[in-house]
Structure formats: structure tokens, C-alpha cells
Amino acid sequence: MDLGSLRHWVRVENPTEAADGDGGFTVTWAAADPATVPVGIAPATQARLERLVANAVSSEASHVVTMRYHSGVTTATRLIFAGRTFSVVGLQNVQERNEILMLACVEKVT
């Protein structure tokens, strides 16, 4: 991985459940550890997505995010970048070496 391509800094957040006082809960977002990491963000082309999801067609993702391995990243994770929110919809631990993660993400428009 070219470390120079990791030029965007994102905040990594995961959902947590907080009691609402009435016996239920509300979902809140908590920062992962480490909370801010460098990533590479690129538009999701069909060729990139096919490599990412093992030659399956996935039109759901709008961006591919590349980052160093982070054990707290799952398909429930969201990334915050410059006021934009990206939800992780798929991930690949490249060569299962716990060094590089490639994430298929959808940008959430608010």
C-alpha cells in the first residue's frame, strides 16, 4: 500500500446502546480507538467493487476506502470525513494479514 495515498483523515465510530430510562435504549455513536485514522477515499468503480467483493456485482457502494488494519471496523461502523458520513457496507482484510482493510462504503446524505 502506498502510504501517500492515505491523505484523508476520518473519525471511526461504532454504534452503542444507551438506556433511555423507560426500559428501552437509543442508539448513539461512540468513537473507536484510535478514533481518527488516515485513509484513502476513492469513488467506487465497478472494477474496484468486483475486486473488493470477490467478483460479485455490488451496486450499493458509492466509495471504496483503503486504510491500515483497524480491529474496530465492522459493517456497523461509520466514518466521518469533513462533515460527510460514510457507512461501511462491506470490508475485506487484504490477504487476511491484518495490515490493510478495503471498505465498500455508502455516503449518507442528510
N, C-alpha and C. Protein backbone atom coordinates (compact mmCIF):
# COMPACT_ATOMS: atom_id res chain seq x y z
N MET A 1 0.85 -1.17 0.00
CA MET A 1 0.00 0.00 0.00
C MET A 1 0.89 1.23 0.00
N ASP A 2 0.56 2.18 -0.84
CA ASP A 2 1.27 3.45 -0.89
C ASP A 2 0.76 4.34 0.23
N LEU A 3 1.59 4.59 1.23
CA LEU A 3 1.16 5.38 2.38
C LEU A 3 0.80 6.81 1.99
N GLY A 4 1.32 7.31 0.88
CA GLY A 4 0.97 8.64 0.41
C GLY A 4 -0.47 8.74 -0.05
N SER A 5 -1.09 7.60 -0.34
CA SER A 5 -2.49 7.62 -0.78
C SER A 5 -3.45 7.79 0.40
N LEU A 6 -2.96 7.65 1.62
CA LEU A 6 -3.80 7.80 2.81
C LEU A 6 -3.77 9.27 3.24
N ARG A 7 -4.42 10.11 2.45
CA ARG A 7 -4.32 11.55 2.69
C ARG A 7 -5.57 12.17 3.30
N HIS A 8 -6.58 11.36 3.57
CA HIS A 8 -7.80 11.85 4.22
C HIS A 8 -7.83 11.33 5.65
N TRP A 9 -8.21 12.18 6.59
CA TRP A 9 -8.34 11.76 7.98
C TRP A 9 -9.82 11.62 8.31
N VAL A 10 -10.21 10.45 8.82
CA VAL A 10 -11.60 10.20 9.16
C VAL A 10 -11.73 9.82 10.63
N ARG A 11 -12.92 10.07 11.16
CA ARG A 11 -13.26 9.65 12.52
C ARG A 11 -14.02 8.34 12.39
N VAL A 12 -13.59 7.32 13.11
CA VAL A 12 -14.21 5.99 13.08
C VAL A 12 -15.17 5.89 14.27
N GLU A 13 -16.44 5.60 13.99
CA GLU A 13 -17.44 5.49 15.04
C GLU A 13 -18.22 4.20 14.91
N ASN A 14 -18.59 3.64 16.07
CA ASN A 14 -19.40 2.42 16.12
C ASN A 14 -20.65 2.68 16.96
N PRO A 15 -21.76 1.99 16.65
CA PRO A 15 -22.99 2.21 17.41
C PRO A 15 -22.89 1.61 18.82
N THR A 16 -23.50 2.30 19.76
CA THR A 16 -23.62 1.79 21.12
C THR A 16 -25.06 2.00 21.56
N GLU A 17 -25.49 1.24 22.53
CA GLU A 17 -26.84 1.36 23.03
C GLU A 17 -26.81 2.05 24.39
N ALA A 18 -27.59 3.12 24.53
CA ALA A 18 -27.70 3.85 25.79
C ALA A 18 -29.12 3.70 26.32
N ALA A 19 -29.24 3.40 27.61
CA ALA A 19 -30.56 3.25 28.22
C ALA A 19 -31.31 4.58 28.15
N ASP A 20 -32.61 4.49 27.83
CA ASP A 20 -33.40 5.72 27.71
C ASP A 20 -34.21 6.03 28.98
N GLY A 21 -34.11 5.19 30.02
CA GLY A 21 -34.80 5.42 31.27
C GLY A 21 -36.19 4.81 31.33
N ASP A 22 -36.71 4.36 30.21
CA ASP A 22 -38.04 3.75 30.17
C ASP A 22 -37.96 2.26 29.88
N GLY A 23 -36.81 1.65 30.10
CA GLY A 23 -36.64 0.22 29.85
C GLY A 23 -36.17 -0.09 28.45
N GLY A 24 -36.05 0.92 27.62
CA GLY A 24 -35.58 0.72 26.25
C GLY A 24 -34.17 1.29 26.09
N PHE A 25 -33.81 1.53 24.87
CA PHE A 25 -32.49 2.09 24.60
C PHE A 25 -32.54 2.94 23.34
N THR A 26 -31.56 3.80 23.21
CA THR A 26 -31.38 4.55 21.98
C THR A 26 -29.97 4.27 21.46
N VAL A 27 -29.82 4.31 20.17
CA VAL A 27 -28.52 4.07 19.56
C VAL A 27 -27.77 5.39 19.47
N THR A 28 -26.56 5.39 20.02
CA THR A 28 -25.68 6.55 19.92
C THR A 28 -24.39 6.08 19.25
N TRP A 29 -23.56 7.02 18.89
CA TRP A 29 -22.31 6.69 18.21
C TRP A 29 -21.13 7.04 19.11
N ALA A 30 -20.20 6.09 19.24
CA ALA A 30 -19.01 6.28 20.07
C ALA A 30 -17.78 6.11 19.20
N ALA A 31 -16.77 6.92 19.48
CA ALA A 31 -15.52 6.85 18.73
C ALA A 31 -14.80 5.54 19.03
N ALA A 32 -14.22 4.95 18.00
CA ALA A 32 -13.40 3.75 18.17
C ALA A 32 -12.03 4.19 18.69
N ASP A 33 -11.18 3.23 19.00
CA ASP A 33 -9.83 3.54 19.48
C ASP A 33 -8.82 2.91 18.53
N PRO A 34 -8.03 3.64 17.80
CA PRO A 34 -7.97 5.10 17.75
C PRO A 34 -9.15 5.68 16.99
N ALA A 35 -9.53 6.88 17.35
CA ALA A 35 -10.72 7.50 16.78
C ALA A 35 -10.48 8.09 15.40
N THR A 36 -9.32 8.67 15.18
CA THR A 36 -9.02 9.34 13.91
C THR A 36 -7.87 8.62 13.22
N VAL A 37 -8.11 8.22 11.96
CA VAL A 37 -7.10 7.47 11.22
C VAL A 37 -6.98 8.00 9.79
N PRO A 38 -5.81 7.84 9.16
CA PRO A 38 -5.66 8.24 7.76
C PRO A 38 -6.22 7.16 6.84
N VAL A 39 -6.91 7.60 5.79
CA VAL A 39 -7.49 6.67 4.81
C VAL A 39 -7.32 7.24 3.41
N GLY A 40 -7.56 6.40 2.43
CA GLY A 40 -7.69 6.83 1.04
C GLY A 40 -9.14 6.64 0.64
N ILE A 41 -9.76 7.67 0.09
CA ILE A 41 -11.16 7.59 -0.33
C ILE A 41 -11.21 7.76 -1.84
N ALA A 42 -11.88 6.83 -2.52
CA ALA A 42 -11.99 6.89 -3.98
C ALA A 42 -13.42 6.52 -4.39
N PRO A 43 -13.90 7.08 -5.49
CA PRO A 43 -15.21 6.68 -5.99
C PRO A 43 -15.22 5.19 -6.31
N ALA A 44 -16.34 4.55 -6.11
CA ALA A 44 -16.46 3.11 -6.34
C ALA A 44 -16.76 2.84 -7.81
N THR A 45 -15.75 2.41 -8.53
CA THR A 45 -15.97 1.98 -9.91
C THR A 45 -16.33 0.50 -9.89
N GLN A 46 -16.91 0.01 -10.96
CA GLN A 46 -17.30 -1.40 -11.00
C GLN A 46 -16.08 -2.30 -10.85
N ALA A 47 -14.96 -1.94 -11.46
CA ALA A 47 -13.75 -2.77 -11.36
C ALA A 47 -13.26 -2.85 -9.92
N ARG A 48 -13.25 -1.72 -9.21
CA ARG A 48 -12.83 -1.72 -7.81
C ARG A 48 -13.76 -2.58 -6.95
N LEU A 49 -15.06 -2.43 -7.18
CA LEU A 49 -16.03 -3.19 -6.38
C LEU A 49 -15.92 -4.68 -6.64
N GLU A 50 -15.68 -5.08 -7.89
CA GLU A 50 -15.55 -6.51 -8.19
C GLU A 50 -14.34 -7.10 -7.48
N ARG A 51 -13.23 -6.36 -7.42
CA ARG A 51 -12.07 -6.85 -6.68
C ARG A 51 -12.37 -6.92 -5.19
N LEU A 52 -13.12 -5.95 -4.70
CA LEU A 52 -13.40 -5.87 -3.27
C LEU A 52 -14.35 -6.95 -2.79
N VAL A 53 -15.38 -7.24 -3.55
CA VAL A 53 -16.39 -8.21 -3.11
C VAL A 53 -16.26 -9.54 -3.85
N ALA A 54 -15.06 -9.94 -4.15
CA ALA A 54 -14.76 -11.25 -4.73
C ALA A 54 -15.55 -11.55 -5.99
N ASN A 55 -15.46 -10.64 -6.95
CA ASN A 55 -16.07 -10.80 -8.26
C ASN A 55 -17.59 -10.84 -8.26
N ALA A 56 -18.21 -10.42 -7.19
CA ALA A 56 -19.67 -10.30 -7.15
C ALA A 56 -20.04 -8.87 -7.53
N VAL A 57 -21.17 -8.70 -8.14
CA VAL A 57 -21.60 -7.37 -8.53
C VAL A 57 -22.30 -6.71 -7.35
N SER A 58 -21.84 -5.53 -6.99
CA SER A 58 -22.45 -4.79 -5.88
C SER A 58 -22.59 -3.34 -6.31
N SER A 59 -23.80 -2.90 -6.51
CA SER A 59 -24.02 -1.52 -6.93
C SER A 59 -24.38 -0.64 -5.74
N GLU A 60 -24.35 -1.19 -4.54
CA GLU A 60 -24.75 -0.45 -3.36
C GLU A 60 -23.70 0.55 -2.91
N ALA A 61 -22.43 0.26 -3.07
CA ALA A 61 -21.36 1.12 -2.56
C ALA A 61 -21.13 2.31 -3.48
N SER A 62 -20.85 3.46 -2.86
CA SER A 62 -20.54 4.66 -3.63
C SER A 62 -19.06 5.01 -3.57
N HIS A 63 -18.34 4.50 -2.56
CA HIS A 63 -16.92 4.80 -2.38
C HIS A 63 -16.18 3.57 -1.88
N VAL A 64 -14.89 3.51 -2.19
CA VAL A 64 -14.01 2.49 -1.64
C VAL A 64 -13.00 3.22 -0.77
N VAL A 65 -12.89 2.78 0.48
CA VAL A 65 -11.98 3.39 1.44
C VAL A 65 -10.89 2.38 1.76
N THR A 66 -9.64 2.81 1.66
CA THR A 66 -8.49 1.96 1.99
C THR A 66 -7.84 2.52 3.24
N MET A 67 -7.52 1.63 4.17
CA MET A 67 -6.92 2.08 5.42
C MET A 67 -6.04 0.99 6.01
N ARG A 68 -5.19 1.37 6.96
CA ARG A 68 -4.45 0.36 7.71
C ARG A 68 -5.47 -0.45 8.52
N TYR A 69 -5.09 -1.68 8.86
CA TYR A 69 -6.00 -2.56 9.61
C TYR A 69 -6.43 -1.90 10.91
N HIS A 70 -7.70 -2.00 11.22
CA HIS A 70 -8.29 -1.46 12.45
C HIS A 70 -9.29 -2.49 12.94
N SER A 71 -9.02 -3.11 14.08
CA SER A 71 -9.86 -4.21 14.56
C SER A 71 -11.27 -3.77 14.92
N GLY A 72 -11.50 -2.47 15.12
CA GLY A 72 -12.81 -1.98 15.50
C GLY A 72 -13.74 -1.71 14.33
N VAL A 73 -13.29 -1.90 13.10
CA VAL A 73 -14.11 -1.61 11.93
C VAL A 73 -14.93 -2.84 11.55
N THR A 74 -16.26 -2.66 11.46
CA THR A 74 -17.18 -3.72 11.05
C THR A 74 -18.18 -3.12 10.05
N THR A 75 -19.15 -3.91 9.65
CA THR A 75 -20.18 -3.39 8.75
C THR A 75 -21.18 -2.51 9.49
N ALA A 76 -21.03 -2.36 10.79
CA ALA A 76 -21.87 -1.43 11.56
C ALA A 76 -21.18 -0.07 11.73
N THR A 77 -19.93 0.02 11.32
CA THR A 77 -19.12 1.22 11.52
C THR A 77 -19.52 2.33 10.55
N ARG A 78 -19.33 3.57 11.00
CA ARG A 78 -19.46 4.71 10.09
C ARG A 78 -18.19 5.54 10.19
N LEU A 79 -17.88 6.21 9.09
CA LEU A 79 -16.70 7.08 9.01
C LEU A 79 -17.16 8.50 8.78
N ILE A 80 -16.59 9.45 9.49
CA ILE A 80 -16.93 10.86 9.35
C ILE A 80 -15.73 11.56 8.73
N PHE A 81 -15.96 12.20 7.58
CA PHE A 81 -14.89 12.91 6.88
C PHE A 81 -15.41 14.27 6.43
N ALA A 82 -14.87 15.34 6.98
CA ALA A 82 -15.20 16.71 6.57
C ALA A 82 -16.71 16.95 6.50
N GLY A 83 -17.43 16.50 7.52
CA GLY A 83 -18.87 16.69 7.55
C GLY A 83 -19.67 15.68 6.74
N ARG A 84 -19.00 14.77 6.08
CA ARG A 84 -19.66 13.71 5.30
C ARG A 84 -19.65 12.42 6.09
N THR A 85 -20.69 11.62 5.94
CA THR A 85 -20.80 10.35 6.67
C THR A 85 -20.81 9.19 5.68
N PHE A 86 -19.94 8.22 5.91
CA PHE A 86 -19.85 7.02 5.09
C PHE A 86 -20.18 5.81 5.96
N SER A 87 -21.15 5.01 5.54
CA SER A 87 -21.49 3.77 6.24
C SER A 87 -20.77 2.62 5.56
N VAL A 88 -20.14 1.76 6.36
CA VAL A 88 -19.43 0.60 5.83
C VAL A 88 -20.45 -0.49 5.51
N VAL A 89 -20.49 -0.93 4.25
CA VAL A 89 -21.43 -1.99 3.84
C VAL A 89 -20.70 -3.29 3.50
N GLY A 90 -19.39 -3.24 3.41
CA GLY A 90 -18.60 -4.43 3.15
C GLY A 90 -17.14 -4.14 3.45
N LEU A 91 -16.39 -5.17 3.82
CA LEU A 91 -14.98 -4.96 4.09
C LEU A 91 -14.18 -6.19 3.72
N GLN A 92 -12.93 -5.93 3.40
CA GLN A 92 -12.02 -7.01 3.06
C GLN A 92 -10.70 -6.78 3.78
N ASN A 93 -10.27 -7.77 4.54
CA ASN A 93 -8.96 -7.77 5.19
C ASN A 93 -8.00 -8.34 4.14
N VAL A 94 -7.28 -7.47 3.45
CA VAL A 94 -6.47 -7.86 2.30
C VAL A 94 -5.48 -8.95 2.69
N GLN A 95 -5.55 -10.07 2.01
CA GLN A 95 -4.73 -11.26 2.20
C GLN A 95 -4.79 -11.80 3.63
N GLU A 96 -5.83 -11.39 4.40
CA GLU A 96 -6.02 -11.85 5.78
C GLU A 96 -4.75 -11.67 6.62
N ARG A 97 -4.02 -10.57 6.38
CA ARG A 97 -2.77 -10.33 7.09
C ARG A 97 -2.89 -9.27 8.18
N ASN A 98 -4.09 -8.72 8.39
CA ASN A 98 -4.31 -7.68 9.39
C ASN A 98 -3.38 -6.48 9.18
N GLU A 99 -3.22 -6.11 7.92
CA GLU A 99 -2.40 -4.95 7.58
C GLU A 99 -3.21 -3.88 6.87
N ILE A 100 -4.04 -4.29 5.91
CA ILE A 100 -4.79 -3.35 5.08
C ILE A 100 -6.26 -3.76 5.06
N LEU A 101 -7.15 -2.78 5.21
CA LEU A 101 -8.58 -3.00 5.04
C LEU A 101 -9.05 -2.22 3.84
N MET A 102 -9.89 -2.85 3.02
CA MET A 102 -10.58 -2.17 1.94
C MET A 102 -12.05 -2.20 2.29
N LEU A 103 -12.68 -1.03 2.34
CA LEU A 103 -14.07 -0.91 2.77
C LEU A 103 -14.95 -0.45 1.62
N ALA A 104 -16.06 -1.13 1.42
CA ALA A 104 -17.09 -0.65 0.50
C ALA A 104 -18.02 0.21 1.35
N CYS A 105 -18.19 1.47 0.97
CA CYS A 105 -18.97 2.41 1.78
C CYS A 105 -20.04 3.09 0.95
N VAL A 106 -21.09 3.52 1.65
CA VAL A 106 -22.17 4.31 1.06
C VAL A 106 -22.16 5.65 1.75
N GLU A 107 -22.13 6.71 0.96
CA GLU A 107 -22.20 8.04 1.56
C GLU A 107 -23.64 8.35 1.92
N LYS A 108 -23.87 8.70 3.17
CA LYS A 108 -25.21 9.03 3.65
C LYS A 108 -25.44 10.52 3.49
N VAL A 109 -26.49 10.88 2.80
CA VAL A 109 -26.83 12.27 2.58
C VAL A 109 -27.88 12.67 3.59
N THR A 110 -27.61 13.77 4.30
CA THR A 110 -28.58 14.21 5.33
C THR A 110 -29.29 15.45 4.90
